Amino acid sequence: MAIYLGLGWLALGIVYLAILTKGFRKTPPEMNTEADPKENQGTAEARLGA
């Protein structure tokens, strides 16, 4: 049962990606997990204020 659910979920994801990218002709959008990209640029030392 879990195999069928997993395969169904995979199929839905592929269909969704195909629709989102207009038949895989466009690049998929990237996911940004940073709250403010300008705030997190530079080296780790610059971000920590060292």
PDB file of N, CA and C in Angstrom:
ATOM      1  N   MET A   1       0.827  -1.201   0.000  1.00  0.00           N
ATOM      2  CA  MET A   1       0.000   0.000   0.000  1.00  0.00           C
ATOM      3  C   MET A   1       0.869   1.261   0.000  1.00  0.00           C
ATOM      4  N   ALA A   2       1.914   1.281   0.797  1.00  0.00           N
ATOM      5  CA  ALA A   2       2.786   2.459   0.876  1.00  0.00           C
ATOM      6  C   ALA A   2       3.498   2.702  -0.455  1.00  0.00           C
ATOM      7  N   ILE A   3       3.842   1.627  -1.149  1.00  0.00           N
ATOM      8  CA  ILE A   3       4.492   1.771  -2.456  1.00  0.00           C
ATOM      9  C   ILE A   3       3.560   2.488  -3.434  1.00  0.00           C
ATOM     10  N   TYR A   4       2.291   2.091  -3.440  1.00  0.00           N
ATOM     11  CA  TYR A   4       1.320   2.708  -4.350  1.00  0.00           C
ATOM     12  C   TYR A   4       1.086   4.181  -4.010  1.00  0.00           C
ATOM     13  N   LEU A   5       1.036   4.500  -2.737  1.00  0.00           N
ATOM     14  CA  LEU A   5       0.880   5.898  -2.335  1.00  0.00           C
ATOM     15  C   LEU A   5       2.101   6.723  -2.742  1.00  0.00           C
ATOM     16  N   GLY A   6       3.271   6.163  -2.551  1.00  0.00           N
ATOM     17  CA  GLY A   6       4.498   6.857  -2.922  1.00  0.00           C
ATOM     18  C   GLY A   6       4.595   7.084  -4.422  1.00  0.00           C
ATOM     19  N   LEU A   7       4.246   6.070  -5.201  1.00  0.00           N
ATOM     20  CA  LEU A   7       4.278   6.203  -6.648  1.00  0.00           C
ATOM     21  C   LEU A   7       3.225   7.198  -7.144  1.00  0.00           C
ATOM     22  N   GLY A   8       2.072   7.207  -6.496  1.00  0.00           N
ATOM     23  CA  GLY A   8       1.036   8.183  -6.843  1.00  0.00           C
ATOM     24  C   GLY A   8       1.485   9.599  -6.540  1.00  0.00           C
ATOM     25  N   TRP A   9       2.125   9.776  -5.397  1.00  0.00           N
ATOM     26  CA  TRP A   9       2.637  11.087  -5.008  1.00  0.00           C
ATOM     27  C   TRP A   9       3.713  11.546  -5.994  1.00  0.00           C
ATOM     28  N   LEU A  10       4.579  10.637  -6.402  1.00  0.00           N
ATOM     29  CA  LEU A  10       5.617  10.950  -7.388  1.00  0.00           C
ATOM     30  C   LEU A  10       4.992  11.346  -8.716  1.00  0.00           C
ATOM     31  N   ALA A  11       3.978  10.607  -9.155  1.00  0.00           N
ATOM     32  CA  ALA A  11       3.305  10.919 -10.418  1.00  0.00           C
ATOM     33  C   ALA A  11       2.644  12.296 -10.359  1.00  0.00           C
ATOM     34  N   LEU A  12       1.995  12.609  -9.245  1.00  0.00           N
ATOM     35  CA  LEU A  12       1.378  13.930  -9.098  1.00  0.00           C
ATOM     36  C   LEU A  12       2.429  15.033  -9.148  1.00  0.00           C
ATOM     37  N   GLY A  13       3.573  14.803  -8.535  1.00  0.00           N
ATOM     38  CA  GLY A  13       4.651  15.791  -8.550  1.00  0.00           C
ATOM     39  C   GLY A  13       5.194  16.024  -9.943  1.00  0.00           C
ATOM     40  N   ILE A  14       5.333  14.953 -10.718  1.00  0.00           N
ATOM     41  CA  ILE A  14       5.832  15.088 -12.081  1.00  0.00           C
ATOM     42  C   ILE A  14       4.819  15.827 -12.953  1.00  0.00           C
ATOM     43  N   VAL A  15       3.543  15.514 -12.799  1.00  0.00           N
ATOM     44  CA  VAL A  15       2.496  16.213 -13.555  1.00  0.00           C
ATOM     45  C   VAL A  15       2.465  17.686 -13.167  1.00  0.00           C
ATOM     46  N   TYR A  16       2.556  17.981 -11.872  1.00  0.00           N
ATOM     47  CA  TYR A  16       2.553  19.370 -11.414  1.00  0.00           C
ATOM     48  C   TYR A  16       3.753  20.125 -11.981  1.00  0.00           C
ATOM     49  N   LEU A  17       4.927  19.499 -11.976  1.00  0.00           N
ATOM     50  CA  LEU A  17       6.121  20.143 -12.514  1.00  0.00           C
ATOM     51  C   LEU A  17       5.989  20.360 -14.016  1.00  0.00           C
ATOM     52  N   ALA A  18       5.389  19.423 -14.713  1.00  0.00           N
ATOM     53  CA  ALA A  18       5.187  19.582 -16.155  1.00  0.00           C
ATOM     54  C   ALA A  18       4.265  20.758 -16.443  1.00  0.00           C
ATOM     55  N   ILE A  19       3.226  20.908 -15.660  1.00  0.00           N
ATOM     56  CA  ILE A  19       2.305  22.034 -15.845  1.00  0.00           C
ATOM     57  C   ILE A  19       3.000  23.347 -15.491  1.00  0.00           C
ATOM     58  N   LEU A  20       3.741  23.352 -14.394  1.00  0.00           N
ATOM     59  CA  LEU A  20       4.414  24.558 -13.926  1.00  0.00           C
ATOM     60  C   LEU A  20       5.467  25.041 -14.912  1.00  0.00           C
ATOM     61  N   THR A  21       6.143  24.118 -15.578  1.00  0.00           N
ATOM     62  CA  THR A  21       7.219  24.479 -16.503  1.00  0.00           C
ATOM     63  C   THR A  21       6.769  24.476 -17.957  1.00  0.00           C
ATOM     64  N   LYS A  22       5.451  24.412 -18.180  1.00  0.00           N
ATOM     65  CA  LYS A  22       4.883  24.420 -19.536  1.00  0.00           C
ATOM     66  C   LYS A  22       5.500  23.318 -20.391  1.00  0.00           C
ATOM     67  N   GLY A  23       5.389  22.090 -19.884  1.00  0.00           N
ATOM     68  CA  GLY A  23       5.903  20.940 -20.626  1.00  0.00           C
ATOM     69  C   GLY A  23       7.413  20.811 -20.559  1.00  0.00           C
ATOM     70  N   PHE A  24       8.016  21.230 -19.464  1.00  0.00           N
ATOM     71  CA  PHE A  24       9.456  21.174 -19.225  1.00  0.00           C
ATOM     72  C   PHE A  24      10.249  22.058 -20.188  1.00  0.00           C
ATOM     73  N   ARG A  25       9.620  23.127 -20.698  1.00  0.00           N
ATOM     74  CA  ARG A  25      10.324  24.062 -21.574  1.00  0.00           C
ATOM     75  C   ARG A  25      10.926  25.225 -20.791  1.00  0.00           C
ATOM     76  N   LYS A  26      10.347  25.581 -19.655  1.00  0.00           N
ATOM     77  CA  LYS A  26      10.880  26.645 -18.801  1.00  0.00           C
ATOM     78  C   LYS A  26      11.626  26.002 -17.643  1.00  0.00           C
ATOM     79  N   THR A  27      12.504  26.769 -17.019  1.00  0.00           N
ATOM     80  CA  THR A  27      13.175  26.245 -15.830  1.00  0.00           C
ATOM     81  C   THR A  27      12.223  26.335 -14.643  1.00  0.00           C
ATOM     82  N   PRO A  28      12.285  25.370 -13.749  1.00  0.00           N
ATOM     83  CA  PRO A  28      11.401  25.425 -12.580  1.00  0.00           C
ATOM     84  C   PRO A  28      11.833  26.550 -11.639  1.00  0.00           C
ATOM     85  N   PRO A  29      10.893  27.127 -10.902  1.00  0.00           N
ATOM     86  CA  PRO A  29      11.261  28.181  -9.950  1.00  0.00           C
ATOM     87  C   PRO A  29      12.103  27.609  -8.813  1.00  0.00           C
ATOM     88  N   GLU A  30      13.005  28.441  -8.297  1.00  0.00           N
ATOM     89  CA  GLU A  30      13.850  28.014  -7.188  1.00  0.00           C
ATOM     90  C   GLU A  30      13.199  28.393  -5.866  1.00  0.00           C
ATOM     91  N   MET A  31      13.411  27.573  -4.877  1.00  0.00           N
ATOM     92  CA  MET A  31      12.857  27.831  -3.555  1.00  0.00           C
ATOM     93  C   MET A  31      13.879  28.606  -2.733  1.00  0.00           C
ATOM     94  N   ASN A  32      13.465  29.749  -2.194  1.00  0.00           N
ATOM     95  CA  ASN A  32      14.343  30.575  -1.374  1.00  0.00           C
ATOM     96  C   ASN A  32      13.915  30.416   0.078  1.00  0.00           C
ATOM     97  N   THR A  33      14.808  29.888   0.899  1.00  0.00           N
ATOM     98  CA  THR A  33      14.472  29.662   2.302  1.00  0.00           C
ATOM     99  C   THR A  33      14.976  30.771   3.213  1.00  0.00           C
ATOM    100  N   GLU A  34      15.693  31.746   2.654  1.00  0.00           N
ATOM    101  CA  GLU A  34      16.214  32.840   3.472  1.00  0.00           C
ATOM    102  C   GLU A  34      15.120  33.886   3.685  1.00  0.00           C
ATOM    103  N   ALA A  35      15.071  34.447   4.879  1.00  0.00           N
ATOM    104  CA  ALA A  35      14.069  35.458   5.188  1.00  0.00           C
ATOM    105  C   ALA A  35      14.333  36.727   4.391  1.00  0.00           C
ATOM    106  N   ASP A  36      15.569  37.195   4.360  1.00  0.00           N
ATOM    107  CA  ASP A  36      15.949  38.393   3.616  1.00  0.00           C
ATOM    108  C   ASP A  36      17.273  38.099   2.921  1.00  0.00           C
ATOM    109  N   PRO A  37      17.288  37.883   1.612  1.00  0.00           N
ATOM    110  CA  PRO A  37      18.527  37.520   0.921  1.00  0.00           C
ATOM    111  C   PRO A  37      19.635  38.557   1.073  1.00  0.00           C
ATOM    112  N   LYS A  38      19.303  39.852   1.146  1.00  0.00           N
ATOM    113  CA  LYS A  38      20.326  40.880   1.299  1.00  0.00           C
ATOM    114  C   LYS A  38      21.022  40.763   2.654  1.00  0.00           C
ATOM    115  N   GLU A  39      20.277  40.315   3.643  1.00  0.00           N
ATOM    116  CA  GLU A  39      20.806  40.210   4.995  1.00  0.00           C
ATOM    117  C   GLU A  39      21.809  39.073   5.124  1.00  0.00           C
ATOM    118  N   ASN A  40      21.696  38.039   4.291  1.00  0.00           N
ATOM    119  CA  ASN A  40      22.510  36.836   4.436  1.00  0.00           C
ATOM    120  C   ASN A  40      23.614  36.730   3.399  1.00  0.00           C
ATOM    121  N   GLN A  41      24.038  37.833   2.802  1.00  0.00           N
ATOM    122  CA  GLN A  41      25.110  37.781   1.825  1.00  0.00           C
ATOM    123  C   GLN A  41      26.448  37.941   2.522  1.00  0.00           C
ATOM    124  N   GLY A  42      27.490  37.475   1.848  1.00  0.00           N
ATOM    125  CA  GLY A  42      28.835  37.631   2.376  1.00  0.00           C
ATOM    126  C   GLY A  42      29.307  36.414   3.149  1.00  0.00           C
ATOM    127  N   THR A  43      30.422  36.582   3.817  1.00  0.00           N
ATOM    128  CA  THR A  43      31.005  35.471   4.570  1.00  0.00           C
ATOM    129  C   THR A  43      30.322  35.299   5.917  1.00  0.00           C
ATOM    130  N   ALA A  44      30.598  34.202   6.532  1.00  0.00           N
ATOM    131  CA  ALA A  44      30.010  33.931   7.842  1.00  0.00           C
ATOM    132  C   ALA A  44      30.491  34.968   8.866  1.00  0.00           C
ATOM    133  N   GLU A  45      31.759  35.375   8.745  1.00  0.00           N
ATOM    134  CA  GLU A  45      32.295  36.362   9.685  1.00  0.00           C
ATOM    135  C   GLU A  45      31.579  37.697   9.526  1.00  0.00           C
ATOM    136  N   ALA A  46      31.271  38.075   8.290  1.00  0.00           N
ATOM    137  CA  ALA A  46      30.589  39.350   8.068  1.00  0.00           C
ATOM    138  C   ALA A  46      29.178  39.296   8.641  1.00  0.00           C
ATOM    139  N   ARG A  47      28.545  38.140   8.547  1.00  0.00           N
ATOM    140  CA  ARG A  47      27.191  38.009   9.070  1.00  0.00           C
ATOM    141  C   ARG A  47      27.170  38.015  10.591  1.00  0.00           C
ATOM    142  N   LEU A  48      28.241  37.520  11.190  1.00  0.00           N
ATOM    143  CA  LEU A  48      28.306  37.472  12.657  1.00  0.00           C
ATOM    144  C   LEU A  48      28.844  38.764  13.244  1.00  0.00           C
ATOM    145  N   GLY A  49      29.342  39.646  12.391  1.00  0.00           N
ATOM    146  CA  GLY A  49      29.842  40.932  12.873  1.00  0.00           C
ATOM    147  C   GLY A  49      31.260  40.859  13.389  1.00  0.00           C
ATOM    148  N   ALA A  50      31.986  39.803  13.042  1.00  0.00           N
ATOM    149  CA  ALA A  50      33.365  39.641  13.517  1.00  0.00           C
ATOM    150  C   ALA A  50      34.349  40.351  12.614  1.00  0.00           C
TER     151      ALA A  50
END
